[in-house]
């Protein structure tokens, strides 16, 4: 049986992750409140932010900024997009 969560981003019941995405309370919070769809979309967006903005993940401030963007993205709030970004139309 597929585990579902009330997804914070999409505000509806959707299939959840199979396990927390990383250890600790933040990973548990994501596991309990974020759908698999929203998490996979974040991973794609994160990759785009890192590559297009040339984010240095060894820099503590850059990691803090990226984590803030994750929180905004997964909460359905306004989040950073690379310069010139236009979303695909479905």
N, C-alpha and C. Protein backbone atom coordinates (compact mmCIF):
# COMPACT_ATOMS: atom_id res chain seq x y z
N UNK A 1 0.83 -1.18 0.00
CA UNK A 1 0.00 0.00 0.00
C UNK A 1 0.88 1.25 0.00
N UNK A 2 0.52 2.22 -0.81
CA UNK A 2 1.28 3.45 -0.93
C UNK A 2 0.95 4.38 0.22
N UNK A 3 1.99 4.89 0.85
CA UNK A 3 1.83 5.85 1.95
C UNK A 3 1.52 7.21 1.36
N UNK A 4 0.53 7.90 1.90
CA UNK A 4 0.20 9.23 1.42
C UNK A 4 0.45 10.27 2.51
N UNK A 5 0.65 11.49 2.09
CA UNK A 5 0.83 12.61 3.01
C UNK A 5 -0.03 13.78 2.53
N UNK A 6 -0.38 14.65 3.45
CA UNK A 6 -1.04 15.89 3.08
C UNK A 6 0.10 16.84 2.71
N UNK A 7 0.37 16.97 1.42
CA UNK A 7 1.54 17.70 0.93
C UNK A 7 1.42 19.20 1.23
N UNK A 8 2.43 19.73 1.89
CA UNK A 8 2.46 21.15 2.25
C UNK A 8 2.49 22.02 0.99
N UNK A 9 3.21 21.60 -0.03
CA UNK A 9 3.33 22.40 -1.26
C UNK A 9 2.02 22.42 -2.05
N UNK A 10 1.43 21.26 -2.25
CA UNK A 10 0.24 21.16 -3.10
C UNK A 10 -1.07 21.16 -2.34
N UNK A 11 -1.00 21.14 -1.02
CA UNK A 11 -2.18 21.23 -0.16
C UNK A 11 -3.24 20.18 -0.49
N UNK A 12 -2.74 18.97 -0.75
CA UNK A 12 -3.66 17.84 -0.97
C UNK A 12 -2.94 16.54 -0.67
N UNK A 13 -3.70 15.48 -0.56
CA UNK A 13 -3.18 14.16 -0.25
C UNK A 13 -2.52 13.58 -1.50
N UNK A 14 -1.23 13.24 -1.36
CA UNK A 14 -0.45 12.68 -2.48
C UNK A 14 0.47 11.59 -1.95
N UNK A 15 0.97 10.71 -2.84
CA UNK A 15 1.93 9.69 -2.40
C UNK A 15 3.16 10.34 -1.76
N UNK A 16 3.60 9.74 -0.64
CA UNK A 16 4.76 10.28 0.08
C UNK A 16 6.05 9.58 -0.30
N UNK A 17 7.12 10.06 0.30
CA UNK A 17 8.44 9.45 0.10
C UNK A 17 8.48 8.09 0.79
N UNK A 18 9.38 7.24 0.35
CA UNK A 18 9.53 5.92 0.96
C UNK A 18 10.32 5.98 2.25
N UNK A 19 11.16 6.99 2.39
CA UNK A 19 11.97 7.17 3.60
C UNK A 19 12.38 8.64 3.68
N UNK A 20 12.80 9.10 4.86
CA UNK A 20 13.25 10.49 4.96
C UNK A 20 14.42 10.74 3.99
N UNK A 21 14.45 11.92 3.35
CA UNK A 21 15.48 12.18 2.35
C UNK A 21 16.88 12.38 2.95
N UNK A 22 16.97 12.71 4.22
CA UNK A 22 18.23 12.76 4.93
C UNK A 22 17.99 12.67 6.42
N UNK A 23 19.03 12.41 7.21
CA UNK A 23 18.82 12.16 8.64
C UNK A 23 18.40 13.42 9.41
N UNK A 24 17.89 13.21 10.61
CA UNK A 24 17.57 14.31 11.50
C UNK A 24 16.13 14.76 11.41
N UNK A 25 15.83 15.78 12.19
CA UNK A 25 14.46 16.27 12.29
C UNK A 25 13.96 16.88 10.98
N UNK A 26 14.84 17.56 10.24
CA UNK A 26 14.43 18.15 8.97
C UNK A 26 14.03 17.07 7.97
N UNK A 27 14.80 16.00 7.90
CA UNK A 27 14.46 14.88 7.02
C UNK A 27 13.13 14.25 7.41
N UNK A 28 12.89 14.13 8.71
CA UNK A 28 11.63 13.56 9.21
C UNK A 28 10.46 14.47 8.87
N UNK A 29 10.66 15.77 9.03
CA UNK A 29 9.60 16.74 8.71
C UNK A 29 9.22 16.66 7.23
N UNK A 30 10.22 16.56 6.37
CA UNK A 30 9.96 16.44 4.93
C UNK A 30 9.23 15.13 4.65
N UNK A 31 9.67 14.06 5.26
CA UNK A 31 9.06 12.74 5.09
C UNK A 31 7.57 12.77 5.44
N UNK A 32 7.24 13.49 6.50
CA UNK A 32 5.85 13.51 7.00
C UNK A 32 4.95 14.52 6.28
N UNK A 33 5.53 15.53 5.62
CA UNK A 33 4.72 16.62 5.09
C UNK A 33 4.89 16.96 3.62
N UNK A 34 5.80 16.28 2.95
CA UNK A 34 6.07 16.61 1.54
C UNK A 34 5.86 15.38 0.66
N UNK A 35 5.17 15.57 -0.44
CA UNK A 35 4.90 14.45 -1.35
C UNK A 35 6.16 14.09 -2.14
N UNK A 36 6.13 12.89 -2.66
CA UNK A 36 7.22 12.42 -3.52
C UNK A 36 7.35 13.33 -4.74
N UNK A 37 6.22 13.73 -5.31
CA UNK A 37 6.21 14.62 -6.48
C UNK A 37 6.90 15.94 -6.15
N UNK A 38 6.54 16.57 -5.03
CA UNK A 38 7.13 17.87 -4.67
C UNK A 38 8.62 17.72 -4.41
N UNK A 39 9.03 16.61 -3.75
CA UNK A 39 10.45 16.41 -3.46
C UNK A 39 11.25 16.24 -4.75
N UNK A 40 10.73 15.45 -5.68
CA UNK A 40 11.43 15.24 -6.95
C UNK A 40 11.52 16.55 -7.75
N UNK A 41 10.47 17.36 -7.69
CA UNK A 41 10.51 18.66 -8.36
C UNK A 41 11.56 19.56 -7.72
N UNK A 42 11.66 19.50 -6.37
CA UNK A 42 12.69 20.29 -5.69
C UNK A 42 14.08 19.85 -6.12
N UNK A 43 14.32 18.55 -6.20
CA UNK A 43 15.64 18.07 -6.59
C UNK A 43 16.02 18.59 -7.97
N UNK A 44 15.07 18.61 -8.90
CA UNK A 44 15.35 19.14 -10.24
C UNK A 44 15.62 20.64 -10.17
N UNK A 45 14.82 21.35 -9.39
CA UNK A 45 15.02 22.80 -9.28
C UNK A 45 16.35 23.12 -8.59
N UNK A 46 16.67 22.35 -7.56
CA UNK A 46 17.93 22.54 -6.84
C UNK A 46 19.11 22.37 -7.79
N UNK A 47 19.04 21.36 -8.61
CA UNK A 47 20.11 21.10 -9.59
C UNK A 47 20.26 22.29 -10.53
N UNK A 48 19.14 22.82 -10.97
CA UNK A 48 19.17 23.97 -11.87
C UNK A 48 19.77 25.18 -11.16
N UNK A 49 19.38 25.43 -9.91
CA UNK A 49 19.94 26.55 -9.16
C UNK A 49 21.45 26.41 -9.00
N UNK A 50 21.89 25.23 -8.64
CA UNK A 50 23.32 24.98 -8.43
C UNK A 50 24.09 25.20 -9.72
N UNK A 51 23.61 24.63 -10.81
CA UNK A 51 24.33 24.72 -12.08
C UNK A 51 24.27 26.11 -12.71
N UNK A 52 23.08 26.67 -12.82
CA UNK A 52 22.92 27.96 -13.50
C UNK A 52 23.49 29.11 -12.69
N UNK A 53 23.38 29.03 -11.37
CA UNK A 53 23.89 30.12 -10.52
C UNK A 53 25.32 29.85 -10.05
N UNK A 54 25.87 28.71 -10.45
CA UNK A 54 27.23 28.30 -10.08
C UNK A 54 27.45 28.39 -8.57
N UNK A 55 26.54 27.76 -7.84
CA UNK A 55 26.61 27.78 -6.37
C UNK A 55 27.72 26.86 -5.90
N UNK A 56 28.53 27.38 -5.00
CA UNK A 56 29.64 26.62 -4.41
C UNK A 56 29.13 25.94 -3.13
N UNK A 57 28.92 24.65 -3.18
CA UNK A 57 28.37 23.93 -2.04
C UNK A 57 29.35 23.75 -0.89
N UNK A 58 30.60 24.12 -1.08
CA UNK A 58 31.55 24.07 0.03
C UNK A 58 31.46 25.34 0.88
N UNK A 59 30.75 26.35 0.38
CA UNK A 59 30.56 27.60 1.10
C UNK A 59 29.33 27.49 2.01
N UNK A 60 29.52 27.72 3.30
CA UNK A 60 28.44 27.59 4.29
C UNK A 60 27.26 28.51 3.97
N UNK A 61 27.52 29.75 3.60
CA UNK A 61 26.44 30.70 3.29
C UNK A 61 25.64 30.25 2.07
N UNK A 62 26.31 29.68 1.10
CA UNK A 62 25.61 29.17 -0.09
C UNK A 62 24.69 28.01 0.27
N UNK A 63 25.15 27.13 1.14
CA UNK A 63 24.31 26.01 1.59
C UNK A 63 23.12 26.51 2.39
N UNK A 64 23.33 27.51 3.24
CA UNK A 64 22.23 28.08 4.01
C UNK A 64 21.20 28.70 3.08
N UNK A 65 21.67 29.41 2.05
CA UNK A 65 20.77 30.01 1.08
C UNK A 65 19.97 28.94 0.34
N UNK A 66 20.64 27.88 -0.07
CA UNK A 66 19.98 26.79 -0.79
C UNK A 66 18.93 26.11 0.10
N UNK A 67 19.25 25.92 1.37
CA UNK A 67 18.27 25.34 2.31
C UNK A 67 17.06 26.25 2.49
N UNK A 68 17.28 27.55 2.51
CA UNK A 68 16.18 28.50 2.61
C UNK A 68 15.29 28.40 1.37
N UNK A 69 15.92 28.27 0.20
CA UNK A 69 15.16 28.13 -1.04
C UNK A 69 14.34 26.84 -1.03
N UNK A 70 14.91 25.78 -0.47
CA UNK A 70 14.19 24.51 -0.35
C UNK A 70 12.94 24.71 0.51
N UNK A 71 13.10 25.37 1.65
CA UNK A 71 11.95 25.60 2.54
C UNK A 71 10.86 26.41 1.83
N UNK A 72 11.27 27.45 1.10
CA UNK A 72 10.30 28.26 0.36
C UNK A 72 9.60 27.44 -0.72
N UNK A 73 10.38 26.70 -1.49
CA UNK A 73 9.84 25.87 -2.58
C UNK A 73 8.83 24.86 -2.04
N UNK A 74 9.22 24.14 -0.99
CA UNK A 74 8.36 23.08 -0.47
C UNK A 74 7.15 23.60 0.30
N UNK A 75 7.18 24.88 0.65
CA UNK A 75 6.03 25.49 1.33
C UNK A 75 5.09 26.18 0.36
N UNK A 76 5.45 26.17 -0.92
CA UNK A 76 4.60 26.80 -1.93
C UNK A 76 4.73 28.31 -1.95
N UNK A 77 5.81 28.83 -1.37
CA UNK A 77 6.05 30.27 -1.35
C UNK A 77 6.94 30.66 -2.53
N UNK A 78 7.17 31.95 -2.68
CA UNK A 78 8.01 32.45 -3.77
C UNK A 78 9.47 32.05 -3.49
N UNK A 79 10.14 31.47 -4.45
CA UNK A 79 11.51 30.97 -4.30
C UNK A 79 12.36 31.47 -5.46
N UNK A 80 13.67 31.36 -5.31
CA UNK A 80 14.61 31.84 -6.33
C UNK A 80 14.54 30.98 -7.59
N UNK A 81 14.71 31.67 -8.70
CA UNK A 81 14.81 31.01 -10.00
C UNK A 81 16.04 31.58 -10.70
N UNK A 82 16.70 30.78 -11.52
CA UNK A 82 17.87 31.31 -12.24
C UNK A 82 17.46 32.48 -13.13
N UNK A 83 18.40 33.38 -13.36
CA UNK A 83 18.15 34.55 -14.20
C UNK A 83 17.70 34.09 -15.59
N UNK A 84 16.62 34.66 -16.07
CA UNK A 84 16.10 34.32 -17.39
C UNK A 84 15.24 33.07 -17.40
N UNK A 85 14.95 32.50 -16.25
CA UNK A 85 14.16 31.27 -16.15
C UNK A 85 12.70 31.51 -16.56
N UNK A 86 12.21 30.66 -17.43
CA UNK A 86 10.78 30.64 -17.74
C UNK A 86 10.32 29.20 -17.64
N UNK A 87 9.29 28.95 -16.83
CA UNK A 87 8.82 27.57 -16.65
C UNK A 87 8.25 26.98 -17.93
N UNK A 88 8.36 25.67 -18.04
CA UNK A 88 7.76 24.98 -19.19
C UNK A 88 6.25 25.04 -19.08
N UNK A 89 5.60 25.21 -20.21
CA UNK A 89 4.11 25.20 -20.22
C UNK A 89 3.67 23.79 -20.54
N UNK A 90 2.77 23.31 -19.71
CA UNK A 90 2.27 21.93 -19.91
C UNK A 90 0.95 21.92 -20.61
